[in-house]
Protein backbone atom coordinates (compact mmCIF):
# COMPACT_ATOMS: atom_id res chain seq x y z
CA MET A 1 -43.67 -18.82 -23.33
CA SER A 2 -41.19 -15.82 -23.53
CA ALA A 3 -37.54 -15.95 -23.19
CA ALA A 4 -36.31 -14.48 -19.87
CA SER A 5 -33.98 -11.56 -20.44
CA PRO A 6 -30.75 -11.63 -18.60
CA ALA A 7 -30.70 -9.72 -15.41
CA ALA A 8 -28.74 -6.51 -15.47
CA PRO A 9 -25.45 -6.80 -13.68
CA ALA A 10 -25.48 -5.00 -10.28
CA ALA A 11 -23.79 -1.67 -10.23
CA PRO A 12 -20.39 -1.66 -8.54
CA PHE A 13 -20.13 -0.23 -4.97
CA ASP A 14 -19.12 3.40 -5.18
CA ALA A 15 -18.01 4.84 -1.87
CA ALA A 16 -18.61 8.34 -3.19
CA SER A 17 -22.38 7.71 -3.11
CA LEU A 18 -22.42 7.10 0.63
CA ARG A 19 -24.11 9.66 2.86
CA GLY A 20 -24.50 10.26 6.59
CA LEU A 21 -23.39 7.71 9.17
CA ALA A 22 -22.35 5.11 6.58
CA ARG A 23 -19.93 7.82 4.99
CA LEU A 24 -18.54 8.74 8.43
CA ARG A 25 -17.93 5.03 9.35
CA LEU A 26 -16.06 4.50 6.09
CA LEU A 27 -13.96 7.68 6.57
CA VAL A 28 -13.00 6.71 10.07
CA ALA A 29 -12.05 3.18 8.90
CA TYR A 30 -9.83 4.61 6.09
CA GLY A 31 -8.27 6.99 8.62
CA LEU A 32 -7.48 4.21 11.10
CA GLY A 33 -5.89 2.21 8.38
CA ASP A 34 -3.66 5.12 7.40
CA ALA A 35 -2.60 5.54 11.02
CA GLY A 36 -1.25 2.02 11.05
CA THR A 37 0.73 2.45 7.84
CA GLY A 38 2.05 5.83 9.14
CA MET A 39 3.22 4.21 12.23
CA ALA A 40 5.01 1.50 10.21
CA ALA A 41 6.51 4.08 7.98
CA SER A 42 7.79 6.01 10.92
CA LEU A 43 9.47 2.93 12.32
CA ILE A 44 11.16 2.24 8.98
CA GLY A 45 12.27 5.96 8.64
CA PHE A 46 13.74 6.13 12.21
CA TYR A 47 15.22 2.67 12.77
CA LEU A 48 15.74 0.73 9.50
CA PHE A 49 19.10 2.38 8.56
CA ILE A 50 20.34 1.70 12.24
CA PHE A 51 19.10 -1.92 12.02
CA TYR A 52 20.97 -2.47 8.74
CA THR A 53 24.21 -1.03 10.07
CA ALA A 54 24.14 -2.06 13.75
CA ALA A 55 22.34 -5.39 13.76
CA ALA A 56 22.95 -6.65 10.18
CA GLY A 57 26.45 -5.32 9.91
CA LEU A 58 26.19 -3.64 6.55
CA PRO A 59 28.46 -0.70 5.81
CA ALA A 60 26.65 2.55 5.88
CA TRP A 61 27.01 3.02 2.19
CA MET A 62 25.37 -0.38 1.57
CA ALA A 63 22.53 0.33 3.90
CA GLY A 64 21.89 3.67 2.26
CA LEU A 65 21.91 2.03 -1.04
CA VAL A 66 19.28 -0.34 -0.03
CA LEU A 67 17.10 2.48 1.16
CA MET A 68 17.81 4.40 -2.12
CA LEU A 69 16.86 1.51 -4.41
CA ALA A 70 13.73 0.99 -2.35
CA ARG A 71 12.74 4.64 -3.04
CA LEU A 72 13.60 4.37 -6.69
CA TRP A 73 11.32 1.39 -7.02
CA ASP A 74 8.70 3.21 -5.21
CA ALA A 75 8.85 5.95 -7.69
CA VAL A 76 8.28 3.53 -10.46
CA ASN A 77 5.80 1.35 -8.71
CA ASP A 78 3.39 3.92 -7.25
CA PRO A 79 2.13 5.29 -10.51
CA VAL A 80 1.70 1.69 -11.97
CA VAL A 81 -0.37 0.64 -9.01
CA GLY A 82 -2.40 3.77 -9.25
CA TRP A 83 -3.07 3.09 -12.86
CA LEU A 84 -3.95 -0.70 -12.19
CA SER A 85 -6.31 0.38 -9.35
CA ASP A 86 -8.08 2.99 -11.59
CA LYS A 87 -8.68 0.16 -14.12
CA THR A 88 -9.98 -2.24 -11.59
CA THR A 89 -13.68 -3.06 -11.69
CA GLY A 90 -16.00 -5.17 -9.56
CA ARG A 91 -18.58 -5.06 -6.95
CA TRP A 92 -16.18 -3.72 -4.33
CA GLY A 93 -15.16 -0.87 -6.47
CA PRO A 94 -11.73 0.04 -7.76
CA ARG A 95 -9.81 0.53 -4.41
CA LEU A 96 -11.09 -1.83 -1.91
CA PRO A 97 -9.76 -5.01 -3.40
CA TRP A 98 -6.31 -3.54 -3.53
CA ILE A 99 -6.45 -2.40 0.02
CA VAL A 100 -7.88 -5.67 1.49
CA GLY A 101 -5.69 -7.89 -0.75
CA SER A 102 -2.44 -6.20 0.26
CA ALA A 103 -3.12 -6.03 4.03
CA LEU A 104 -1.94 -9.32 5.28
CA PRO A 105 0.98 -9.67 2.83
CA LEU A 106 2.12 -6.29 3.79
CA GLY A 107 2.22 -7.12 7.41
CA VAL A 108 4.41 -10.25 6.58
CA ALA A 109 6.77 -8.04 4.45
CA MET A 110 7.02 -5.50 7.10
CA ALA A 111 8.03 -8.13 9.71
CA LEU A 112 10.53 -9.54 7.23
CA MET A 113 12.13 -6.16 6.94
CA TRP A 114 13.57 -6.81 10.54
CA TRP A 115 14.76 -10.33 9.74
CA LEU A 116 18.55 -11.04 9.80
CA PRO A 117 19.25 -13.29 6.91
CA PRO A 118 22.30 -15.54 7.14
CA GLY A 119 25.22 -15.01 4.68
CA SER A 120 27.74 -12.35 3.65
CA GLU A 121 27.19 -8.65 3.48
CA TRP A 122 26.23 -8.96 -0.21
CA VAL A 123 23.70 -11.70 0.43
CA ARG A 124 22.09 -9.67 3.24
CA PHE A 125 22.25 -6.57 0.92
CA TRP A 126 20.22 -8.32 -1.86
CA VAL A 127 17.83 -9.94 0.59
CA PHE A 128 17.07 -6.51 2.03
CA VAL A 129 16.57 -5.04 -1.37
CA ALA A 130 14.24 -7.85 -2.42
CA ILE A 131 12.23 -7.48 0.90
CA SER A 132 12.11 -3.62 0.49
CA VAL A 133 10.82 -3.98 -3.07
CA LEU A 134 8.20 -6.43 -1.94
CA ALA A 135 7.11 -4.20 1.00
CA ASN A 136 7.03 -1.09 -1.11
CA SER A 137 4.99 -2.87 -3.77
CA LEU A 138 2.46 -4.01 -1.28
CA SER A 139 2.47 -0.68 0.59
CA ALA A 140 1.55 1.02 -2.75
CA SER A 141 -1.13 -1.42 -3.39
CA GLY A 142 -2.85 -0.56 -0.07
CA CYS A 143 -1.80 2.91 0.72
CA ALA A 144 -1.95 4.44 -2.84
CA SER A 145 -5.47 3.06 -3.23
CA GLY A 146 -6.53 4.30 0.14
CA CYS A 147 -5.05 7.67 -0.32
CA SER A 148 -6.69 8.23 -3.69
CA TRP A 149 -10.12 7.30 -2.21
CA PRO A 150 -10.98 10.78 -0.86
CA SER A 151 -10.67 12.42 -4.17
CA ARG A 152 -13.65 10.19 -5.33
CA CYS A 153 -15.70 11.34 -2.31
CA TRP A 154 -14.77 15.01 -2.68
CA PRO A 155 -14.17 15.62 -6.38
CA THR A 156 -13.25 19.34 -6.21
CA ALA A 157 -10.34 20.92 -4.36
CA SER A 158 -12.68 23.20 -2.37
CA THR A 159 -14.59 20.22 -1.00
CA ARG A 160 -11.33 18.39 0.11
CA ALA A 161 -9.92 21.50 1.92
């Protein structure tokens, strides 16, 4: 009786290897996902400052500081999330776990951005900063992973153009 050799682990899913209709479906799915985040980013860009000042009653300098701190966090967070997703391995590949895992929490965080917390201006300020950091972290987890995916499908600049 011979000892059975262990089965080789299955190769992780690599979207770059898709061809034809399967590739087109995946591209459309990624594009639709980016449309949703684009609309959410537009709402934030157009209305969040007004919400902070008119509805939440923050002075303009405080509302601007919330938005600035969120952008500064984004500058630190995006490369870290990109590095982490590059190092992710598994049967879903390096990007899909980040995209799927951040989708629902990102929706909750985006809804929380429009919540009026009780308390003083400073309490609201720090709550808005915390929510913005959370939302930006989750956004980077999904969006940075999704935006980096096409470079795996089209490895050269001429094929991405």
